[in-house]
Amino acid sequence: MILFLIGVAAGIVSGMGIGGGTVLIPALVIFLNPRQQEAQGVNLLFFIPTAIIALIIHAKNKAIDFKLALPIIISGLVGAYLGSTLAICMPGNILKKLFGAFLLAIGLWEMLRKGRDEKA
């Protein structure tokens, strides 16, 4: 049951374009305790079908700028190769701390940015 609930929560967040890994990876690590590399690998596998569904829906609603997306996709492929190679070589506890720091930094940035947007 816990896997189902984690999947639904991560799927909702993923479909919104926020990134299901922000929910999926911490939930897997907290509730099921896999190695960090395994949690991130599951996240990548989870991402494929959820991204396809979200892509179809966003494309039908004409909410994708393909000219903008192409250079991001190409550079993202290079970054994915480099990042996954680095993650496999890195100790899990370091990877977990880096991921946590990344989530914290993004959360703080979003809180500060939204405050500036409301004032403007």
N, C-alpha and C. Protein backbone atom coordinates (compact mmCIF):
# COMPACT_ATOMS: atom_id res chain seq x y z
N MET A 1 0.82 -1.20 0.00
CA MET A 1 0.00 0.00 0.00
C MET A 1 0.87 1.26 0.00
N ILE A 2 1.99 1.22 0.76
CA ILE A 2 2.85 2.40 0.82
C ILE A 2 3.44 2.73 -0.55
N LEU A 3 3.79 1.69 -1.32
CA LEU A 3 4.32 1.93 -2.66
C LEU A 3 3.28 2.60 -3.55
N PHE A 4 2.04 2.19 -3.44
CA PHE A 4 0.95 2.79 -4.21
C PHE A 4 0.79 4.27 -3.86
N LEU A 5 0.76 4.59 -2.58
CA LEU A 5 0.60 5.98 -2.15
C LEU A 5 1.77 6.84 -2.59
N ILE A 6 2.99 6.30 -2.47
CA ILE A 6 4.17 7.03 -2.92
C ILE A 6 4.07 7.29 -4.42
N GLY A 7 3.67 6.27 -5.18
CA GLY A 7 3.55 6.41 -6.63
C GLY A 7 2.52 7.43 -7.04
N VAL A 8 1.37 7.44 -6.37
CA VAL A 8 0.31 8.40 -6.70
C VAL A 8 0.78 9.83 -6.40
N ALA A 9 1.37 10.03 -5.22
CA ALA A 9 1.85 11.37 -4.85
C ALA A 9 2.92 11.85 -5.82
N ALA A 10 3.87 10.99 -6.13
CA ALA A 10 4.94 11.36 -7.06
C ALA A 10 4.39 11.59 -8.46
N GLY A 11 3.40 10.81 -8.87
CA GLY A 11 2.79 10.98 -10.19
C GLY A 11 2.07 12.31 -10.32
N ILE A 12 1.35 12.70 -9.28
CA ILE A 12 0.65 13.99 -9.31
C ILE A 12 1.65 15.13 -9.43
N VAL A 13 2.68 15.10 -8.62
CA VAL A 13 3.70 16.15 -8.66
C VAL A 13 4.41 16.15 -10.00
N SER A 14 4.71 14.97 -10.52
CA SER A 14 5.38 14.84 -11.82
C SER A 14 4.52 15.39 -12.94
N GLY A 15 3.24 15.08 -12.93
CA GLY A 15 2.33 15.56 -13.96
C GLY A 15 2.18 17.07 -13.95
N MET A 16 2.39 17.68 -12.81
CA MET A 16 2.33 19.14 -12.70
C MET A 16 3.61 19.78 -13.22
N GLY A 17 4.62 18.97 -13.51
CA GLY A 17 5.88 19.50 -14.03
C GLY A 17 6.87 19.90 -12.96
N ILE A 18 6.58 19.54 -11.73
CA ILE A 18 7.45 19.92 -10.62
C ILE A 18 8.62 18.96 -10.50
N GLY A 19 8.39 17.71 -10.80
CA GLY A 19 9.43 16.69 -10.68
C GLY A 19 9.06 15.69 -9.61
N GLY A 20 8.65 14.53 -10.04
CA GLY A 20 8.22 13.50 -9.10
C GLY A 20 9.31 13.03 -8.17
N GLY A 21 10.57 13.20 -8.58
CA GLY A 21 11.69 12.77 -7.75
C GLY A 21 11.78 13.52 -6.43
N THR A 22 11.22 14.73 -6.39
CA THR A 22 11.24 15.48 -5.14
C THR A 22 10.38 14.81 -4.08
N VAL A 23 9.42 14.01 -4.51
CA VAL A 23 8.59 13.23 -3.59
C VAL A 23 9.06 11.79 -3.53
N LEU A 24 9.32 11.21 -4.69
CA LEU A 24 9.61 9.79 -4.79
C LEU A 24 10.90 9.39 -4.08
N ILE A 25 11.99 10.08 -4.33
CA ILE A 25 13.27 9.69 -3.75
C ILE A 25 13.25 9.78 -2.22
N PRO A 26 12.85 10.92 -1.63
CA PRO A 26 12.81 10.94 -0.16
C PRO A 26 11.84 9.90 0.43
N ALA A 27 10.69 9.70 -0.22
CA ALA A 27 9.73 8.73 0.30
C ALA A 27 10.30 7.31 0.27
N LEU A 28 10.96 6.96 -0.83
CA LEU A 28 11.58 5.63 -0.90
C LEU A 28 12.64 5.46 0.18
N VAL A 29 13.49 6.48 0.34
CA VAL A 29 14.58 6.39 1.32
C VAL A 29 14.03 6.31 2.74
N ILE A 30 13.01 7.11 3.03
CA ILE A 30 12.45 7.13 4.39
C ILE A 30 11.68 5.85 4.72
N PHE A 31 10.81 5.40 3.81
CA PHE A 31 9.91 4.30 4.12
C PHE A 31 10.45 2.92 3.75
N LEU A 32 11.32 2.83 2.74
CA LEU A 32 11.78 1.51 2.27
C LEU A 32 13.28 1.30 2.42
N ASN A 33 14.02 2.37 2.67
CA ASN A 33 15.44 2.33 2.97
C ASN A 33 16.33 1.64 1.92
N PRO A 34 16.14 1.93 0.62
CA PRO A 34 17.10 1.40 -0.36
C PRO A 34 18.37 2.25 -0.34
N ARG A 35 19.40 1.80 -1.03
CA ARG A 35 20.58 2.65 -1.22
C ARG A 35 20.14 3.88 -2.02
N GLN A 36 20.82 4.99 -1.83
CA GLN A 36 20.46 6.23 -2.53
C GLN A 36 20.50 6.03 -4.04
N GLN A 37 21.51 5.32 -4.55
CA GLN A 37 21.62 5.08 -5.99
C GLN A 37 20.42 4.29 -6.50
N GLU A 38 19.93 3.32 -5.71
CA GLU A 38 18.76 2.54 -6.11
C GLU A 38 17.50 3.41 -6.14
N ALA A 39 17.34 4.27 -5.14
CA ALA A 39 16.18 5.17 -5.11
C ALA A 39 16.20 6.09 -6.33
N GLN A 40 17.35 6.59 -6.68
CA GLN A 40 17.45 7.47 -7.83
C GLN A 40 17.23 6.69 -9.13
N GLY A 41 17.68 5.45 -9.18
CA GLY A 41 17.43 4.62 -10.35
C GLY A 41 15.95 4.31 -10.53
N VAL A 42 15.27 4.01 -9.42
CA VAL A 42 13.81 3.79 -9.48
C VAL A 42 13.12 5.06 -9.96
N ASN A 43 13.58 6.20 -9.47
CA ASN A 43 13.00 7.48 -9.90
C ASN A 43 13.14 7.65 -11.41
N LEU A 44 14.29 7.31 -11.96
CA LEU A 44 14.49 7.47 -13.39
C LEU A 44 13.58 6.53 -14.19
N LEU A 45 13.41 5.33 -13.69
CA LEU A 45 12.51 4.38 -14.36
C LEU A 45 11.05 4.83 -14.24
N PHE A 46 10.68 5.37 -13.09
CA PHE A 46 9.34 5.92 -12.85
C PHE A 46 9.07 7.09 -13.80
N PHE A 47 10.11 7.86 -14.09
CA PHE A 47 9.96 9.08 -14.87
C PHE A 47 9.53 8.81 -16.31
N ILE A 48 9.97 7.72 -16.90
CA ILE A 48 9.70 7.47 -18.33
C ILE A 48 8.20 7.42 -18.62
N PRO A 49 7.42 6.51 -18.02
CA PRO A 49 5.99 6.48 -18.37
C PRO A 49 5.22 7.71 -17.90
N THR A 50 5.59 8.26 -16.73
CA THR A 50 4.87 9.44 -16.27
C THR A 50 5.17 10.64 -17.16
N ALA A 51 6.39 10.75 -17.64
CA ALA A 51 6.74 11.85 -18.55
C ALA A 51 6.01 11.71 -19.88
N ILE A 52 5.86 10.49 -20.37
CA ILE A 52 5.15 10.28 -21.64
C ILE A 52 3.70 10.73 -21.51
N ILE A 53 3.04 10.34 -20.44
CA ILE A 53 1.64 10.73 -20.22
C ILE A 53 1.52 12.26 -20.11
N ALA A 54 2.39 12.86 -19.29
CA ALA A 54 2.35 14.31 -19.11
C ALA A 54 2.66 15.03 -20.42
N LEU A 55 3.60 14.50 -21.20
CA LEU A 55 3.96 15.10 -22.49
C LEU A 55 2.77 15.09 -23.45
N ILE A 56 2.08 13.97 -23.51
CA ILE A 56 0.90 13.87 -24.38
C ILE A 56 -0.15 14.91 -24.00
N ILE A 57 -0.43 15.02 -22.72
CA ILE A 57 -1.45 15.97 -22.25
C ILE A 57 -1.02 17.41 -22.52
N HIS A 58 0.24 17.74 -22.21
CA HIS A 58 0.71 19.11 -22.45
C HIS A 58 0.77 19.43 -23.95
N ALA A 59 1.15 18.46 -24.77
CA ALA A 59 1.20 18.68 -26.22
C ALA A 59 -0.21 18.90 -26.78
N LYS A 60 -1.18 18.12 -26.31
CA LYS A 60 -2.57 18.32 -26.76
C LYS A 60 -3.07 19.71 -26.41
N ASN A 61 -2.62 20.25 -25.30
CA ASN A 61 -3.04 21.58 -24.86
C ASN A 61 -2.13 22.68 -25.39
N LYS A 62 -1.24 22.31 -26.31
CA LYS A 62 -0.31 23.27 -26.93
C LYS A 62 0.47 24.06 -25.89
N ALA A 63 0.95 23.37 -24.88
CA ALA A 63 1.68 24.00 -23.78
C ALA A 63 3.18 23.68 -23.84
N ILE A 64 3.70 23.39 -25.03
CA ILE A 64 5.11 23.06 -25.18
C ILE A 64 5.70 23.90 -26.30
N ASP A 65 6.80 24.57 -26.02
CA ASP A 65 7.55 25.31 -27.03
C ASP A 65 8.71 24.41 -27.45
N PHE A 66 8.54 23.72 -28.58
CA PHE A 66 9.54 22.74 -29.00
C PHE A 66 10.87 23.38 -29.39
N LYS A 67 10.85 24.62 -29.89
CA LYS A 67 12.11 25.31 -30.20
C LYS A 67 12.91 25.57 -28.92
N LEU A 68 12.22 25.89 -27.87
CA LEU A 68 12.87 26.11 -26.57
C LEU A 68 13.35 24.78 -25.99
N ALA A 69 12.57 23.73 -26.19
CA ALA A 69 12.87 22.44 -25.57
C ALA A 69 14.07 21.73 -26.19
N LEU A 70 14.28 21.85 -27.49
CA LEU A 70 15.32 21.07 -28.17
C LEU A 70 16.72 21.28 -27.60
N PRO A 71 17.21 22.51 -27.45
CA PRO A 71 18.55 22.65 -26.89
C PRO A 71 18.65 22.18 -25.44
N ILE A 72 17.55 22.31 -24.70
CA ILE A 72 17.54 21.84 -23.31
C ILE A 72 17.61 20.31 -23.29
N ILE A 73 16.90 19.66 -24.19
CA ILE A 73 16.92 18.20 -24.27
C ILE A 73 18.32 17.71 -24.60
N ILE A 74 18.95 18.31 -25.60
CA ILE A 74 20.28 17.87 -26.02
C ILE A 74 21.30 18.06 -24.89
N SER A 75 21.31 19.22 -24.28
CA SER A 75 22.26 19.43 -23.18
C SER A 75 21.89 18.59 -21.97
N GLY A 76 20.60 18.33 -21.77
CA GLY A 76 20.16 17.47 -20.67
C GLY A 76 20.64 16.03 -20.82
N LEU A 77 20.68 15.55 -22.06
CA LEU A 77 21.20 14.19 -22.30
C LEU A 77 22.67 14.09 -21.90
N VAL A 78 23.44 15.11 -22.25
CA VAL A 78 24.85 15.13 -21.86
C VAL A 78 24.96 15.17 -20.33
N GLY A 79 24.19 16.05 -19.71
CA GLY A 79 24.20 16.16 -18.25
C GLY A 79 23.74 14.89 -17.56
N ALA A 80 22.75 14.20 -18.14
CA ALA A 80 22.27 12.94 -17.55
C ALA A 80 23.35 11.88 -17.57
N TYR A 81 24.09 11.81 -18.66
CA TYR A 81 25.18 10.84 -18.74
C TYR A 81 26.25 11.16 -17.69
N LEU A 82 26.66 12.41 -17.62
CA LEU A 82 27.69 12.81 -16.66
C LEU A 82 27.21 12.61 -15.21
N GLY A 83 25.99 13.04 -14.94
CA GLY A 83 25.45 12.92 -13.58
C GLY A 83 25.27 11.49 -13.12
N SER A 84 24.76 10.62 -14.01
CA SER A 84 24.57 9.22 -13.61
C SER A 84 25.91 8.52 -13.42
N THR A 85 26.89 8.85 -14.24
CA THR A 85 28.22 8.28 -14.07
C THR A 85 28.82 8.71 -12.74
N LEU A 86 28.66 9.97 -12.40
CA LEU A 86 29.15 10.49 -11.12
C LEU A 86 28.41 9.86 -9.94
N ALA A 87 27.08 9.73 -10.05
CA ALA A 87 26.28 9.19 -8.95
C ALA A 87 26.64 7.74 -8.63
N ILE A 88 26.94 6.95 -9.65
CA ILE A 88 27.30 5.55 -9.43
C ILE A 88 28.63 5.43 -8.71
N CYS A 89 29.54 6.36 -8.98
CA CYS A 89 30.88 6.32 -8.37
C CYS A 89 30.90 6.93 -6.97
N MET A 90 29.88 7.66 -6.60
CA MET A 90 29.86 8.41 -5.34
C MET A 90 29.28 7.56 -4.21
N PRO A 91 29.83 7.68 -3.00
CA PRO A 91 29.23 6.97 -1.85
C PRO A 91 27.79 7.44 -1.62
N GLY A 92 26.91 6.50 -1.25
CA GLY A 92 25.50 6.80 -1.07
C GLY A 92 25.22 7.88 -0.05
N ASN A 93 25.97 7.90 1.04
CA ASN A 93 25.71 8.91 2.07
C ASN A 93 26.04 10.32 1.56
N ILE A 94 27.06 10.47 0.75
CA ILE A 94 27.39 11.77 0.16
C ILE A 94 26.31 12.18 -0.84
N LEU A 95 25.89 11.22 -1.66
CA LEU A 95 24.86 11.49 -2.66
C LEU A 95 23.55 11.91 -1.98
N LYS A 96 23.21 11.25 -0.89
CA LYS A 96 21.99 11.58 -0.14
C LYS A 96 22.07 13.00 0.41
N LYS A 97 23.23 13.38 0.95
CA LYS A 97 23.40 14.73 1.48
C LYS A 97 23.34 15.79 0.38
N LEU A 98 23.95 15.50 -0.76
CA LEU A 98 23.90 16.43 -1.88
C LEU A 98 22.47 16.62 -2.39
N PHE A 99 21.72 15.51 -2.46
CA PHE A 99 20.33 15.59 -2.91
C PHE A 99 19.49 16.40 -1.91
N GLY A 100 19.70 16.17 -0.62
CA GLY A 100 18.99 16.93 0.40
C GLY A 100 19.32 18.42 0.34
N ALA A 101 20.59 18.74 0.15
CA ALA A 101 21.00 20.14 0.04
C ALA A 101 20.38 20.78 -1.20
N PHE A 102 20.32 20.03 -2.30
CA PHE A 102 19.70 20.53 -3.52
C PHE A 102 18.22 20.85 -3.28
N LEU A 103 17.49 19.92 -2.65
CA LEU A 103 16.06 20.16 -2.38
C LEU A 103 15.87 21.36 -1.46
N LEU A 104 16.73 21.48 -0.45
CA LEU A 104 16.65 22.62 0.46
C LEU A 104 16.90 23.93 -0.27
N ALA A 105 17.93 23.96 -1.11
CA ALA A 105 18.26 25.17 -1.86
C ALA A 105 17.12 25.57 -2.79
N ILE A 106 16.55 24.59 -3.49
CA ILE A 106 15.43 24.88 -4.39
C ILE A 106 14.22 25.39 -3.61
N GLY A 107 13.94 24.77 -2.47
CA GLY A 107 12.82 25.22 -1.64
C GLY A 107 13.00 26.64 -1.14
N LEU A 108 14.20 26.95 -0.68
CA LEU A 108 14.47 28.31 -0.21
C LEU A 108 14.38 29.32 -1.36
N TRP A 109 14.92 28.95 -2.50
CA TRP A 109 14.86 29.84 -3.66
C TRP A 109 13.41 30.11 -4.05
N GLU A 110 12.60 29.07 -4.06
CA GLU A 110 11.18 29.24 -4.41
C GLU A 110 10.46 30.14 -3.41
N MET A 111 10.75 29.97 -2.12
CA MET A 111 10.10 30.82 -1.12
C MET A 111 10.50 32.28 -1.29
N LEU A 112 11.77 32.52 -1.52
CA LEU A 112 12.25 33.89 -1.67
C LEU A 112 11.76 34.50 -2.98
N ARG A 113 11.76 33.72 -4.04
CA ARG A 113 11.32 34.21 -5.36
C ARG A 113 9.84 34.57 -5.33
N LYS A 114 9.04 33.75 -4.70
CA LYS A 114 7.60 34.00 -4.67
C LYS A 114 7.30 35.27 -3.88
N GLY A 115 8.07 35.52 -2.85
CA GLY A 115 7.88 36.74 -2.10
C GLY A 115 8.16 37.97 -2.94
N ARG A 116 9.17 37.90 -3.80
CA ARG A 116 9.50 39.01 -4.70
C ARG A 116 8.42 39.18 -5.77
N ASP A 117 7.88 38.05 -6.26
CA ASP A 117 6.85 38.12 -7.30
C ASP A 117 5.57 38.79 -6.78
N GLU A 118 5.22 38.51 -5.52
CA GLU A 118 4.00 39.09 -4.95
C GLU A 118 4.14 40.60 -4.72
N LYS A 119 5.35 41.07 -4.42
CA LYS A 119 5.59 42.50 -4.17
C LYS A 119 5.53 43.29 -5.48
N ALA A 120 5.90 42.65 -6.57
CA ALA A 120 5.97 43.37 -7.86
C ALA A 120 4.65 43.61 -8.50
